[in-house]
Structure formats: structure tokens, C-alpha cells
Amino acid sequence: MQRYLVKIKFIPNNIKKRISEKLYKNLKFVGYKKISKDHTIPIIQFLNKKRIWILMKEIL
């Protein structure tokens, strides 16, 4: 799977607070997680291999 850099401006404020110590580093988009028949969510990976999922409700 290819990895893509993610610009931090696309991540919502409530998640920025949780990851503020890592904001200066590159984040990578690594894929999607299907949580239901109709919903897929993006997965972002930090440099230390930790991953977070971003729900669309948190973005909007």
C-alpha cells in the first residue's frame, strides 16, 4: 500500500489538541477502515508507527 503525506490543516481542532506534540512531523495517510456498510474512515500514521482513525463527524 502506498503512503501519502497529510497536511495538518485538514485535521480537526479536537484531534490537533491530542497530537500537538507531533504537529511538526510528517503524518502519513495509510488507508481506510470500513466501520459499517456505508462508512469508511481514513487512517493516519505517525512516524513512530502509531495510527489514529478520524471519524467524519469529528471533521465536520
N, C-alpha and C. Protein backbone atom coordinates (compact mmCIF):
# COMPACT_ATOMS: atom_id res chain seq x y z
N MET A 1 0.84 -1.17 0.00
CA MET A 1 0.00 0.00 0.00
C MET A 1 0.89 1.24 0.00
N GLN A 2 0.54 2.21 -0.81
CA GLN A 2 1.30 3.44 -0.86
C GLN A 2 0.91 4.33 0.31
N ARG A 3 1.88 5.12 0.76
CA ARG A 3 1.62 6.05 1.85
C ARG A 3 1.73 7.47 1.31
N TYR A 4 0.88 8.34 1.79
CA TYR A 4 0.84 9.72 1.33
C TYR A 4 0.98 10.65 2.52
N LEU A 5 1.65 11.78 2.30
CA LEU A 5 1.76 12.78 3.35
C LEU A 5 0.41 13.47 3.53
N VAL A 6 0.11 13.85 4.76
CA VAL A 6 -1.15 14.52 5.08
C VAL A 6 -0.82 15.91 5.60
N LYS A 7 -1.47 16.92 5.05
CA LYS A 7 -1.28 18.27 5.57
C LYS A 7 -2.10 18.40 6.85
N ILE A 8 -1.50 18.97 7.86
CA ILE A 8 -2.13 19.01 9.17
C ILE A 8 -3.36 19.92 9.19
N LYS A 9 -3.51 20.84 8.23
CA LYS A 9 -4.67 21.74 8.24
C LYS A 9 -5.97 21.01 7.97
N PHE A 10 -5.91 19.79 7.47
CA PHE A 10 -7.13 19.03 7.20
C PHE A 10 -7.61 18.25 8.43
N ILE A 11 -6.86 18.25 9.50
CA ILE A 11 -7.23 17.52 10.71
C ILE A 11 -7.97 18.47 11.65
N PRO A 12 -9.11 18.06 12.19
CA PRO A 12 -9.91 18.95 13.03
C PRO A 12 -9.22 19.35 14.34
N ASN A 13 -9.69 20.45 14.93
CA ASN A 13 -9.05 21.01 16.11
C ASN A 13 -9.04 20.07 17.30
N ASN A 14 -10.12 19.31 17.52
CA ASN A 14 -10.13 18.44 18.69
C ASN A 14 -9.10 17.32 18.57
N ILE A 15 -8.72 16.94 17.36
CA ILE A 15 -7.67 15.94 17.19
C ILE A 15 -6.30 16.61 17.23
N LYS A 16 -6.20 17.85 16.75
CA LYS A 16 -4.93 18.58 16.82
C LYS A 16 -4.45 18.71 18.26
N LYS A 17 -5.39 18.91 19.18
CA LYS A 17 -5.01 19.04 20.59
C LYS A 17 -4.39 17.76 21.11
N ARG A 18 -4.92 16.61 20.68
CA ARG A 18 -4.40 15.33 21.15
C ARG A 18 -3.02 15.01 20.59
N ILE A 19 -2.72 15.53 19.41
CA ILE A 19 -1.46 15.19 18.77
C ILE A 19 -0.53 16.39 18.63
N SER A 20 -0.72 17.41 19.46
CA SER A 20 0.01 18.66 19.32
C SER A 20 1.52 18.49 19.40
N GLU A 21 2.01 17.54 20.17
CA GLU A 21 3.46 17.35 20.26
C GLU A 21 4.05 16.75 18.98
N LYS A 22 3.21 16.25 18.09
CA LYS A 22 3.69 15.65 16.85
C LYS A 22 3.35 16.48 15.62
N LEU A 23 2.85 17.69 15.80
CA LEU A 23 2.40 18.50 14.67
C LEU A 23 3.53 18.88 13.71
N TYR A 24 4.73 19.05 14.21
CA TYR A 24 5.83 19.49 13.36
C TYR A 24 6.37 18.35 12.49
N LYS A 25 5.97 17.12 12.76
CA LYS A 25 6.45 15.97 12.00
C LYS A 25 5.46 15.61 10.90
N ASN A 26 5.93 14.87 9.92
CA ASN A 26 5.06 14.45 8.83
C ASN A 26 4.13 13.33 9.28
N LEU A 27 2.87 13.45 8.91
CA LEU A 27 1.89 12.40 9.14
C LEU A 27 1.64 11.72 7.81
N LYS A 28 1.31 10.46 7.83
CA LYS A 28 1.07 9.73 6.58
C LYS A 28 -0.32 9.13 6.56
N PHE A 29 -0.97 9.28 5.43
CA PHE A 29 -2.26 8.63 5.21
C PHE A 29 -1.94 7.21 4.77
N VAL A 30 -2.42 6.21 5.52
CA VAL A 30 -2.07 4.82 5.21
C VAL A 30 -3.23 3.99 4.72
N GLY A 31 -4.45 4.50 4.79
CA GLY A 31 -5.56 3.71 4.27
C GLY A 31 -6.88 4.08 4.88
N TYR A 32 -7.84 3.20 4.68
CA TYR A 32 -9.19 3.39 5.20
C TYR A 32 -9.60 2.19 6.04
N LYS A 33 -10.46 2.42 7.01
CA LYS A 33 -11.05 1.36 7.82
C LYS A 33 -12.55 1.39 7.57
N LYS A 34 -13.11 0.27 7.23
CA LYS A 34 -14.56 0.18 7.00
C LYS A 34 -15.23 -0.16 8.32
N ILE A 35 -16.03 0.77 8.85
CA ILE A 35 -16.67 0.54 10.15
C ILE A 35 -18.12 0.09 10.02
N SER A 36 -18.69 0.27 8.85
CA SER A 36 -20.03 -0.24 8.58
C SER A 36 -20.19 -0.37 7.07
N LYS A 37 -21.34 -0.79 6.66
CA LYS A 37 -21.59 -0.98 5.23
C LYS A 37 -21.44 0.33 4.46
N ASP A 38 -21.83 1.43 5.08
CA ASP A 38 -21.84 2.72 4.40
C ASP A 38 -20.72 3.66 4.82
N HIS A 39 -19.95 3.34 5.85
CA HIS A 39 -18.96 4.27 6.38
C HIS A 39 -17.55 3.70 6.30
N THR A 40 -16.66 4.49 5.71
CA THR A 40 -15.23 4.19 5.76
C THR A 40 -14.55 5.40 6.36
N ILE A 41 -13.51 5.18 7.14
CA ILE A 41 -12.81 6.28 7.80
C ILE A 41 -11.33 6.22 7.45
N PRO A 42 -10.67 7.39 7.29
CA PRO A 42 -9.25 7.41 6.97
C PRO A 42 -8.39 7.06 8.19
N ILE A 43 -7.24 6.45 7.93
CA ILE A 43 -6.27 6.10 8.97
C ILE A 43 -5.00 6.90 8.72
N ILE A 44 -4.50 7.59 9.76
CA ILE A 44 -3.29 8.40 9.67
C ILE A 44 -2.25 7.78 10.59
N GLN A 45 -0.99 7.73 10.10
CA GLN A 45 0.09 7.11 10.87
C GLN A 45 1.16 8.14 11.21
N PHE A 46 1.63 8.11 12.46
CA PHE A 46 2.73 8.95 12.90
C PHE A 46 4.05 8.30 12.55
N LEU A 47 5.14 9.04 12.75
CA LEU A 47 6.46 8.49 12.45
C LEU A 47 6.83 7.33 13.37
N ASN A 48 6.27 7.28 14.57
CA ASN A 48 6.57 6.19 15.50
C ASN A 48 5.64 4.99 15.30
N LYS A 49 4.97 4.92 14.15
CA LYS A 49 4.10 3.82 13.72
C LYS A 49 2.76 3.75 14.45
N LYS A 50 2.44 4.72 15.30
CA LYS A 50 1.11 4.77 15.92
C LYS A 50 0.12 5.29 14.90
N ARG A 51 -1.09 4.76 14.93
CA ARG A 51 -2.12 5.14 13.97
C ARG A 51 -3.36 5.66 14.68
N ILE A 52 -4.04 6.61 14.04
CA ILE A 52 -5.32 7.10 14.54
C ILE A 52 -6.34 7.03 13.41
N TRP A 53 -7.58 6.91 13.78
CA TRP A 53 -8.69 6.95 12.83
C TRP A 53 -9.40 8.26 13.04
N ILE A 54 -9.85 8.87 11.94
CA ILE A 54 -10.58 10.12 12.03
C ILE A 54 -12.00 9.89 11.55
N LEU A 55 -12.96 10.08 12.44
CA LEU A 55 -14.37 9.94 12.06
C LEU A 55 -14.84 11.21 11.37
N MET A 56 -15.68 11.06 10.36
CA MET A 56 -16.16 12.22 9.61
C MET A 56 -16.93 13.19 10.50
N LYS A 57 -17.59 12.70 11.56
CA LYS A 57 -18.31 13.58 12.48
C LYS A 57 -17.35 14.52 13.20
N GLU A 58 -16.10 14.08 13.43
CA GLU A 58 -15.11 14.93 14.08
C GLU A 58 -14.58 15.98 13.12
N ILE A 59 -14.57 15.68 11.84
CA ILE A 59 -14.04 16.62 10.85
C ILE A 59 -15.05 17.72 10.56
N LEU A 60 -16.32 17.37 10.42
CA LEU A 60 -17.34 18.35 10.04
C LEU A 60 -17.85 19.15 11.20
